[in-house]
Amino acid sequence: VITLTGISVGSLLGGTVIIETIFN
């Protein structure tokens, strides 16, 4: 779980372009 969380949090902190664009 920690391994999966580390990968996901790194991606989230790097920005989620499509979601942020959709919701401004």
mmCIF file of all heavy atoms, coordinates in Angstrom:
data_MODEL
# 
_entry.id   MODEL 
# 
loop_
_atom_site.group_PDB 
_atom_site.id 
_atom_site.type_symbol 
_atom_site.label_atom_id 
_atom_site.label_alt_id 
_atom_site.label_comp_id 
_atom_site.label_asym_id 
_atom_site.label_entity_id 
_atom_site.label_seq_id 
_atom_site.pdbx_PDB_ins_code 
_atom_site.Cartn_x 
_atom_site.Cartn_y 
_atom_site.Cartn_z 
_atom_site.occupancy 
_atom_site.B_iso_or_equiv 
_atom_site.pdbx_formal_charge 
_atom_site.auth_seq_id 
_atom_site.auth_comp_id 
_atom_site.auth_asym_id 
_atom_site.auth_atom_id 
_atom_site.pdbx_PDB_model_num 
ATOM 1   N N   . VAL A 1 1  ? 0.834   -1.201 0.000   1.00 0.00 ? 1  VAL A N   1 
ATOM 2   C CA  . VAL A 1 1  ? 0.000   0.000  0.000   1.00 0.00 ? 1  VAL A CA  1 
ATOM 3   C C   . VAL A 1 1  ? 0.872   1.256  0.000   1.00 0.00 ? 1  VAL A C   1 
ATOM 4   O O   . VAL A 1 1  ? 0.582   2.221  -0.718  1.00 0.00 ? 1  VAL A O   1 
ATOM 5   C CB  . VAL A 1 1  ? -0.954  -0.003 1.211   1.00 0.00 ? 1  VAL A CB  1 
ATOM 6   C CG1 . VAL A 1 1  ? -1.744  1.297  1.282   1.00 0.00 ? 1  VAL A CG1 1 
ATOM 7   C CG2 . VAL A 1 1  ? -1.900  -1.196 1.141   1.00 0.00 ? 1  VAL A CG2 1 
ATOM 8   N N   . ILE A 1 2  ? 1.935   1.245  0.772   1.00 0.00 ? 2  ILE A N   1 
ATOM 9   C CA  . ILE A 1 2  ? 2.830   2.405  0.833   1.00 0.00 ? 2  ILE A CA  1 
ATOM 10  C C   . ILE A 1 2  ? 3.507   2.627  -0.515  1.00 0.00 ? 2  ILE A C   1 
ATOM 11  O O   . ILE A 1 2  ? 3.675   3.768  -0.965  1.00 0.00 ? 2  ILE A O   1 
ATOM 12  C CB  . ILE A 1 2  ? 3.882   2.211  1.942   1.00 0.00 ? 2  ILE A CB  1 
ATOM 13  C CG1 . ILE A 1 2  ? 3.206   2.275  3.322   1.00 0.00 ? 2  ILE A CG1 1 
ATOM 14  C CG2 . ILE A 1 2  ? 4.975   3.271  1.857   1.00 0.00 ? 2  ILE A CG2 1 
ATOM 15  C CD1 . ILE A 1 2  ? 4.117   1.890  4.461   1.00 0.00 ? 2  ILE A CD1 1 
ATOM 16  N N   . THR A 1 3  ? 3.898   1.538  -1.177  1.00 0.00 ? 3  THR A N   1 
ATOM 17  C CA  . THR A 1 3  ? 4.514   1.663  -2.500  1.00 0.00 ? 3  THR A CA  1 
ATOM 18  C C   . THR A 1 3  ? 3.552   2.309  -3.490  1.00 0.00 ? 3  THR A C   1 
ATOM 19  O O   . THR A 1 3  ? 3.917   3.235  -4.231  1.00 0.00 ? 3  THR A O   1 
ATOM 20  C CB  . THR A 1 3  ? 4.940   0.280  -3.018  1.00 0.00 ? 3  THR A CB  1 
ATOM 21  O OG1 . THR A 1 3  ? 5.854   -0.315 -2.088  1.00 0.00 ? 3  THR A OG1 1 
ATOM 22  C CG2 . THR A 1 3  ? 5.617   0.401  -4.381  1.00 0.00 ? 3  THR A CG2 1 
ATOM 23  N N   . LEU A 1 4  ? 2.312   1.828  -3.516  1.00 0.00 ? 4  LEU A N   1 
ATOM 24  C CA  . LEU A 1 4  ? 1.307   2.405  -4.405  1.00 0.00 ? 4  LEU A CA  1 
ATOM 25  C C   . LEU A 1 4  ? 1.051   3.871  -4.060  1.00 0.00 ? 4  LEU A C   1 
ATOM 26  O O   . LEU A 1 4  ? 0.934   4.727  -4.947  1.00 0.00 ? 4  LEU A O   1 
ATOM 27  C CB  . LEU A 1 4  ? 0.003   1.617  -4.297  1.00 0.00 ? 4  LEU A CB  1 
ATOM 28  C CG  . LEU A 1 4  ? 0.011   0.188  -4.852  1.00 0.00 ? 4  LEU A CG  1 
ATOM 29  C CD1 . LEU A 1 4  ? -1.291  -0.524 -4.479  1.00 0.00 ? 4  LEU A CD1 1 
ATOM 30  C CD2 . LEU A 1 4  ? 0.194   0.191  -6.351  1.00 0.00 ? 4  LEU A CD2 1 
ATOM 31  N N   . THR A 1 5  ? 0.979   4.163  -2.764  1.00 0.00 ? 5  THR A N   1 
ATOM 32  C CA  . THR A 1 5  ? 0.720   5.532  -2.324  1.00 0.00 ? 5  THR A CA  1 
ATOM 33  C C   . THR A 1 5  ? 1.847   6.472  -2.740  1.00 0.00 ? 5  THR A C   1 
ATOM 34  O O   . THR A 1 5  ? 1.602   7.602  -3.193  1.00 0.00 ? 5  THR A O   1 
ATOM 35  C CB  . THR A 1 5  ? 0.536   5.575  -0.804  1.00 0.00 ? 5  THR A CB  1 
ATOM 36  O OG1 . THR A 1 5  ? -0.519  4.690  -0.422  1.00 0.00 ? 5  THR A OG1 1 
ATOM 37  C CG2 . THR A 1 5  ? 0.211   6.987  -0.332  1.00 0.00 ? 5  THR A CG2 1 
ATOM 38  N N   . GLY A 1 6  ? 3.087   6.012  -2.604  1.00 0.00 ? 6  GLY A N   1 
ATOM 39  C CA  . GLY A 1 6  ? 4.224   6.838  -2.980  1.00 0.00 ? 6  GLY A CA  1 
ATOM 40  C C   . GLY A 1 6  ? 4.197   7.214  -4.451  1.00 0.00 ? 6  GLY A C   1 
ATOM 41  O O   . GLY A 1 6  ? 4.430   8.365  -4.821  1.00 0.00 ? 6  GLY A O   1 
ATOM 42  N N   . ILE A 1 7  ? 3.891   6.233  -5.297  1.00 0.00 ? 7  ILE A N   1 
ATOM 43  C CA  . ILE A 1 7  ? 3.823   6.497  -6.737  1.00 0.00 ? 7  ILE A CA  1 
ATOM 44  C C   . ILE A 1 7  ? 2.691   7.477  -7.051  1.00 0.00 ? 7  ILE A C   1 
ATOM 45  O O   . ILE A 1 7  ? 2.850   8.425  -7.824  1.00 0.00 ? 7  ILE A O   1 
ATOM 46  C CB  . ILE A 1 7  ? 3.632   5.188  -7.514  1.00 0.00 ? 7  ILE A CB  1 
ATOM 47  C CG1 . ILE A 1 7  ? 4.847   4.279  -7.311  1.00 0.00 ? 7  ILE A CG1 1 
ATOM 48  C CG2 . ILE A 1 7  ? 3.405   5.462  -8.997  1.00 0.00 ? 7  ILE A CG2 1 
ATOM 49  C CD1 . ILE A 1 7  ? 4.668   2.891  -7.869  1.00 0.00 ? 7  ILE A CD1 1 
ATOM 50  N N   . SER A 1 8  ? 1.525   7.249  -6.425  1.00 0.00 ? 8  SER A N   1 
ATOM 51  C CA  . SER A 1 8  ? 0.355   8.081  -6.721  1.00 0.00 ? 8  SER A CA  1 
ATOM 52  C C   . SER A 1 8  ? 0.528   9.505  -6.208  1.00 0.00 ? 8  SER A C   1 
ATOM 53  O O   . SER A 1 8  ? 0.182   10.459 -6.908  1.00 0.00 ? 8  SER A O   1 
ATOM 54  C CB  . SER A 1 8  ? -0.900  7.451  -6.095  1.00 0.00 ? 8  SER A CB  1 
ATOM 55  O OG  . SER A 1 8  ? -1.134  6.163  -6.619  1.00 0.00 ? 8  SER A OG  1 
ATOM 56  N N   . VAL A 1 9  ? 1.052   9.645  -4.990  1.00 0.00 ? 9  VAL A N   1 
ATOM 57  C CA  . VAL A 1 9  ? 1.228   10.987 -4.425  1.00 0.00 ? 9  VAL A CA  1 
ATOM 58  C C   . VAL A 1 9  ? 2.227   11.778 -5.251  1.00 0.00 ? 9  VAL A C   1 
ATOM 59  O O   . VAL A 1 9  ? 2.043   12.976 -5.499  1.00 0.00 ? 9  VAL A O   1 
ATOM 60  C CB  . VAL A 1 9  ? 1.681   10.897 -2.952  1.00 0.00 ? 9  VAL A CB  1 
ATOM 61  C CG1 . VAL A 1 9  ? 2.100   12.272 -2.433  1.00 0.00 ? 9  VAL A CG1 1 
ATOM 62  C CG2 . VAL A 1 9  ? 0.556   10.349 -2.090  1.00 0.00 ? 9  VAL A CG2 1 
ATOM 63  N N   . GLY A 1 10 ? 3.299   11.104 -5.717  1.00 0.00 ? 10 GLY A N   1 
ATOM 64  C CA  . GLY A 1 10 ? 4.256   11.790 -6.574  1.00 0.00 ? 10 GLY A CA  1 
ATOM 65  C C   . GLY A 1 10 ? 3.600   12.321 -7.835  1.00 0.00 ? 10 GLY A C   1 
ATOM 66  O O   . GLY A 1 10 ? 3.846   13.456 -8.253  1.00 0.00 ? 10 GLY A O   1 
ATOM 67  N N   . SER A 1 11 ? 2.732   11.518 -8.444  1.00 0.00 ? 11 SER A N   1 
ATOM 68  C CA  . SER A 1 11 ? 2.021   11.957 -9.651  1.00 0.00 ? 11 SER A CA  1 
ATOM 69  C C   . SER A 1 11 ? 1.053   13.088 -9.343  1.00 0.00 ? 11 SER A C   1 
ATOM 70  O O   . SER A 1 11 ? 0.941   14.048 -10.113 1.00 0.00 ? 11 SER A O   1 
ATOM 71  C CB  . SER A 1 11 ? 1.264   10.778 -10.265 1.00 0.00 ? 11 SER A CB  1 
ATOM 72  O OG  . SER A 1 11 ? 2.145   9.736  -10.614 1.00 0.00 ? 11 SER A OG  1 
ATOM 73  N N   . LEU A 1 12 ? 0.355   12.976 -8.220  1.00 0.00 ? 12 LEU A N   1 
ATOM 74  C CA  . LEU A 1 12 ? -0.607  14.015 -7.853  1.00 0.00 ? 12 LEU A CA  1 
ATOM 75  C C   . LEU A 1 12 ? 0.079   15.344 -7.574  1.00 0.00 ? 12 LEU A C   1 
ATOM 76  O O   . LEU A 1 12 ? -0.413  16.406 -7.959  1.00 0.00 ? 12 LEU A O   1 
ATOM 77  C CB  . LEU A 1 12 ? -1.409  13.568 -6.626  1.00 0.00 ? 12 LEU A CB  1 
ATOM 78  C CG  . LEU A 1 12 ? -2.390  12.419 -6.833  1.00 0.00 ? 12 LEU A CG  1 
ATOM 79  C CD1 . LEU A 1 12 ? -2.957  11.954 -5.490  1.00 0.00 ? 12 LEU A CD1 1 
ATOM 80  C CD2 . LEU A 1 12 ? -3.518  12.823 -7.764  1.00 0.00 ? 12 LEU A CD2 1 
ATOM 81  N N   . LEU A 1 13 ? 1.219   15.299 -6.890  1.00 0.00 ? 13 LEU A N   1 
ATOM 82  C CA  . LEU A 1 13 ? 1.945   16.532 -6.597  1.00 0.00 ? 13 LEU A CA  1 
ATOM 83  C C   . LEU A 1 13 ? 2.529   17.141 -7.865  1.00 0.00 ? 13 LEU A C   1 
ATOM 84  O O   . LEU A 1 13 ? 2.759   18.357 -7.934  1.00 0.00 ? 13 LEU A O   1 
ATOM 85  C CB  . LEU A 1 13 ? 3.060   16.257 -5.586  1.00 0.00 ? 13 LEU A CB  1 
ATOM 86  C CG  . LEU A 1 13 ? 2.614   15.914 -4.169  1.00 0.00 ? 13 LEU A CG  1 
ATOM 87  C CD1 . LEU A 1 13 ? 3.820   15.618 -3.290  1.00 0.00 ? 13 LEU A CD1 1 
ATOM 88  C CD2 . LEU A 1 13 ? 1.800   17.048 -3.561  1.00 0.00 ? 13 LEU A CD2 1 
ATOM 89  N N   . GLY A 1 14 ? 2.768   16.294 -8.863  1.00 0.00 ? 14 GLY A N   1 
ATOM 90  C CA  . GLY A 1 14 ? 3.255   16.800 -10.138 1.00 0.00 ? 14 GLY A CA  1 
ATOM 91  C C   . GLY A 1 14 ? 2.179   17.454 -10.972 1.00 0.00 ? 14 GLY A C   1 
ATOM 92  O O   . GLY A 1 14 ? 2.466   18.045 -12.014 1.00 0.00 ? 14 GLY A O   1 
ATOM 93  N N   . GLY A 1 15 ? 0.949   17.354 -10.522 1.00 0.00 ? 15 GLY A N   1 
ATOM 94  C CA  . GLY A 1 15 ? -0.150  18.000 -11.229 1.00 0.00 ? 15 GLY A CA  1 
ATOM 95  C C   . GLY A 1 15 ? -0.940  17.028 -12.079 1.00 0.00 ? 15 GLY A C   1 
ATOM 96  O O   . GLY A 1 15 ? -0.386  16.145 -12.721 1.00 0.00 ? 15 GLY A O   1 
ATOM 97  N N   . THR A 1 16 ? -2.253  17.156 -12.053 1.00 0.00 ? 16 THR A N   1 
ATOM 98  C CA  . THR A 1 16 ? -3.144  16.339 -12.888 1.00 0.00 ? 16 THR A CA  1 
ATOM 99  C C   . THR A 1 16 ? -3.794  17.287 -13.891 1.00 0.00 ? 16 THR A C   1 
ATOM 100 O O   . THR A 1 16 ? -4.811  17.913 -13.601 1.00 0.00 ? 16 THR A O   1 
ATOM 101 C CB  . THR A 1 16 ? -4.198  15.650 -12.019 1.00 0.00 ? 16 THR A CB  1 
ATOM 102 O OG1 . THR A 1 16 ? -4.838  16.626 -11.190 1.00 0.00 ? 16 THR A OG1 1 
ATOM 103 C CG2 . THR A 1 16 ? -3.562  14.606 -11.122 1.00 0.00 ? 16 THR A CG2 1 
ATOM 104 N N   . VAL A 1 17 ? -3.180  17.365 -15.049 1.00 0.00 ? 17 VAL A N   1 
ATOM 105 C CA  . VAL A 1 17 ? -3.507  18.410 -16.014 1.00 0.00 ? 17 VAL A CA  1 
ATOM 106 C C   . VAL A 1 17 ? -4.973  18.378 -16.424 1.00 0.00 ? 17 VAL A C   1 
ATOM 107 O O   . VAL A 1 17 ? -5.672  19.395 -16.391 1.00 0.00 ? 17 VAL A O   1 
ATOM 108 C CB  . VAL A 1 17 ? -2.599  18.287 -17.258 1.00 0.00 ? 17 VAL A CB  1 
ATOM 109 C CG1 . VAL A 1 17 ? -2.976  19.345 -18.285 1.00 0.00 ? 17 VAL A CG1 1 
ATOM 110 C CG2 . VAL A 1 17 ? -1.143  18.406 -16.857 1.00 0.00 ? 17 VAL A CG2 1 
ATOM 111 N N   . ILE A 1 18 ? -5.464  17.195 -16.799 1.00 0.00 ? 18 ILE A N   1 
ATOM 112 C CA  . ILE A 1 18 ? -6.817  17.108 -17.366 1.00 0.00 ? 18 ILE A CA  1 
ATOM 113 C C   . ILE A 1 18 ? -7.864  17.446 -16.315 1.00 0.00 ? 18 ILE A C   1 
ATOM 114 O O   . ILE A 1 18 ? -8.786  18.233 -16.566 1.00 0.00 ? 18 ILE A O   1 
ATOM 115 C CB  . ILE A 1 18 ? -7.061  15.698 -17.943 1.00 0.00 ? 18 ILE A CB  1 
ATOM 116 C CG1 . ILE A 1 18 ? -6.089  15.434 -19.097 1.00 0.00 ? 18 ILE A CG1 1 
ATOM 117 C CG2 . ILE A 1 18 ? -8.495  15.556 -18.424 1.00 0.00 ? 18 ILE A CG2 1 
ATOM 118 C CD1 . ILE A 1 18 ? -6.196  14.059 -19.684 1.00 0.00 ? 18 ILE A CD1 1 
ATOM 119 N N   . ILE A 1 19 ? -7.728  16.861 -15.117 1.00 0.00 ? 19 ILE A N   1 
ATOM 120 C CA  . ILE A 1 19 ? -8.720  17.106 -14.062 1.00 0.00 ? 19 ILE A CA  1 
ATOM 121 C C   . ILE A 1 19 ? -8.718  18.578 -13.657 1.00 0.00 ? 19 ILE A C   1 
ATOM 122 O O   . ILE A 1 19 ? -9.777  19.193 -13.479 1.00 0.00 ? 19 ILE A O   1 
ATOM 123 C CB  . ILE A 1 19 ? -8.444  16.212 -12.838 1.00 0.00 ? 19 ILE A CB  1 
ATOM 124 C CG1 . ILE A 1 19 ? -8.518  14.728 -13.220 1.00 0.00 ? 19 ILE A CG1 1 
ATOM 125 C CG2 . ILE A 1 19 ? -9.426  16.519 -11.713 1.00 0.00 ? 19 ILE A CG2 1 
ATOM 126 C CD1 . ILE A 1 19 ? -9.860  14.296 -13.736 1.00 0.00 ? 19 ILE A CD1 1 
ATOM 127 N N   . GLU A 1 20 ? -7.539  19.161 -13.519 1.00 0.00 ? 20 GLU A N   1 
ATOM 128 C CA  . GLU A 1 20 ? -7.453  20.570 -13.132 1.00 0.00 ? 20 GLU A CA  1 
ATOM 129 C C   . GLU A 1 20 ? -8.037  21.474 -14.213 1.00 0.00 ? 20 GLU A C   1 
ATOM 130 O O   . GLU A 1 20 ? -8.640  22.506 -13.911 1.00 0.00 ? 20 GLU A O   1 
ATOM 131 C CB  . GLU A 1 20 ? -5.999  20.943 -12.843 1.00 0.00 ? 20 GLU A CB  1 
ATOM 132 C CG  . GLU A 1 20 ? -5.453  20.291 -11.576 1.00 0.00 ? 20 GLU A CG  1 
ATOM 133 C CD  . GLU A 1 20 ? -3.993  20.611 -11.341 1.00 0.00 ? 20 GLU A CD  1 
ATOM 134 O OE1 . GLU A 1 20 ? -3.451  21.483 -12.056 1.00 0.00 ? 20 GLU A OE1 1 
ATOM 135 O OE2 . GLU A 1 20 ? -3.378  19.982 -10.459 1.00 0.00 ? 20 GLU A OE2 1 
ATOM 136 N N   . THR A 1 21 ? -7.856  21.081 -15.462 1.00 0.00 ? 21 THR A N   1 
ATOM 137 C CA  . THR A 1 21 ? -8.409  21.883 -16.561 1.00 0.00 ? 21 THR A CA  1 
ATOM 138 C C   . THR A 1 21 ? -9.929  21.803 -16.586 1.00 0.00 ? 21 THR A C   1 
ATOM 139 O O   . THR A 1 21 ? -10.619 22.814 -16.765 1.00 0.00 ? 21 THR A O   1 
ATOM 140 C CB  . THR A 1 21 ? -7.840  21.403 -17.905 1.00 0.00 ? 21 THR A CB  1 
ATOM 141 O OG1 . THR A 1 21 ? -6.404  21.491 -17.874 1.00 0.00 ? 21 THR A OG1 1 
ATOM 142 C CG2 . THR A 1 21 ? -8.371  22.256 -19.045 1.00 0.00 ? 21 THR A CG2 1 
ATOM 143 N N   . ILE A 1 22 ? -10.473 20.595 -16.402 1.00 0.00 ? 22 ILE A N   1 
ATOM 144 C CA  . ILE A 1 22 ? -11.928 20.410 -16.432 1.00 0.00 ? 22 ILE A CA  1 
ATOM 145 C C   . ILE A 1 22 ? -12.601 21.223 -15.326 1.00 0.00 ? 22 ILE A C   1 
ATOM 146 O O   . ILE A 1 22 ? -13.617 21.892 -15.559 1.00 0.00 ? 22 ILE A O   1 
ATOM 147 C CB  . ILE A 1 22 ? -12.285 18.918 -16.293 1.00 0.00 ? 22 ILE A CB  1 
ATOM 148 C CG1 . ILE A 1 22 ? -11.884 18.157 -17.560 1.00 0.00 ? 22 ILE A CG1 1 
ATOM 149 C CG2 . ILE A 1 22 ? -13.785 18.738 -16.031 1.00 0.00 ? 22 ILE A CG2 1 
ATOM 150 C CD1 . ILE A 1 22 ? -12.083 16.666 -17.458 1.00 0.00 ? 22 ILE A CD1 1 
ATOM 151 N N   . PHE A 1 23 ? -12.040 21.186 -14.129 1.00 0.00 ? 23 PHE A N   1 
ATOM 152 C CA  . PHE A 1 23 ? -12.657 21.865 -12.985 1.00 0.00 ? 23 PHE A CA  1 
ATOM 153 C C   . PHE A 1 23 ? -12.077 23.258 -12.748 1.00 0.00 ? 23 PHE A C   1 
ATOM 154 O O   . PHE A 1 23 ? -12.388 23.888 -11.730 1.00 0.00 ? 23 PHE A O   1 
ATOM 155 C CB  . PHE A 1 23 ? -12.488 21.020 -11.718 1.00 0.00 ? 23 PHE A CB  1 
ATOM 156 C CG  . PHE A 1 23 ? -13.281 19.742 -11.738 1.00 0.00 ? 23 PHE A CG  1 
ATOM 157 C CD1 . PHE A 1 23 ? -12.673 18.546 -12.056 1.00 0.00 ? 23 PHE A CD1 1 
ATOM 158 C CD2 . PHE A 1 23 ? -14.633 19.743 -11.445 1.00 0.00 ? 23 PHE A CD2 1 
ATOM 159 C CE1 . PHE A 1 23 ? -13.396 17.364 -12.078 1.00 0.00 ? 23 PHE A CE1 1 
ATOM 160 C CE2 . PHE A 1 23 ? -15.364 18.568 -11.459 1.00 0.00 ? 23 PHE A CE2 1 
ATOM 161 C CZ  . PHE A 1 23 ? -14.742 17.371 -11.789 1.00 0.00 ? 23 PHE A CZ  1 
ATOM 162 N N   . ASN A 1 24 ? -11.226 23.725 -13.678 1.00 0.00 ? 24 ASN A N   1 
ATOM 163 C CA  . ASN A 1 24 ? -10.613 25.045 -13.540 1.00 0.00 ? 24 ASN A CA  1 
ATOM 164 C C   . ASN A 1 24 ? -9.939  25.198 -12.183 1.00 0.00 ? 24 ASN A C   1 
ATOM 165 O O   . ASN A 1 24 ? -10.070 26.227 -11.511 1.00 0.00 ? 24 ASN A O   1 
ATOM 166 C CB  . ASN A 1 24 ? -11.664 26.151 -13.738 1.00 0.00 ? 24 ASN A CB  1 
ATOM 167 C CG  . ASN A 1 24 ? -11.032 27.511 -13.981 1.00 0.00 ? 24 ASN A CG  1 
ATOM 168 O OD1 . ASN A 1 24 ? -9.933  27.601 -14.539 1.00 0.00 ? 24 ASN A OD1 1 
ATOM 169 N ND2 . ASN A 1 24 ? -11.707 28.558 -13.554 1.00 0.00 ? 24 ASN A ND2 1 
# 
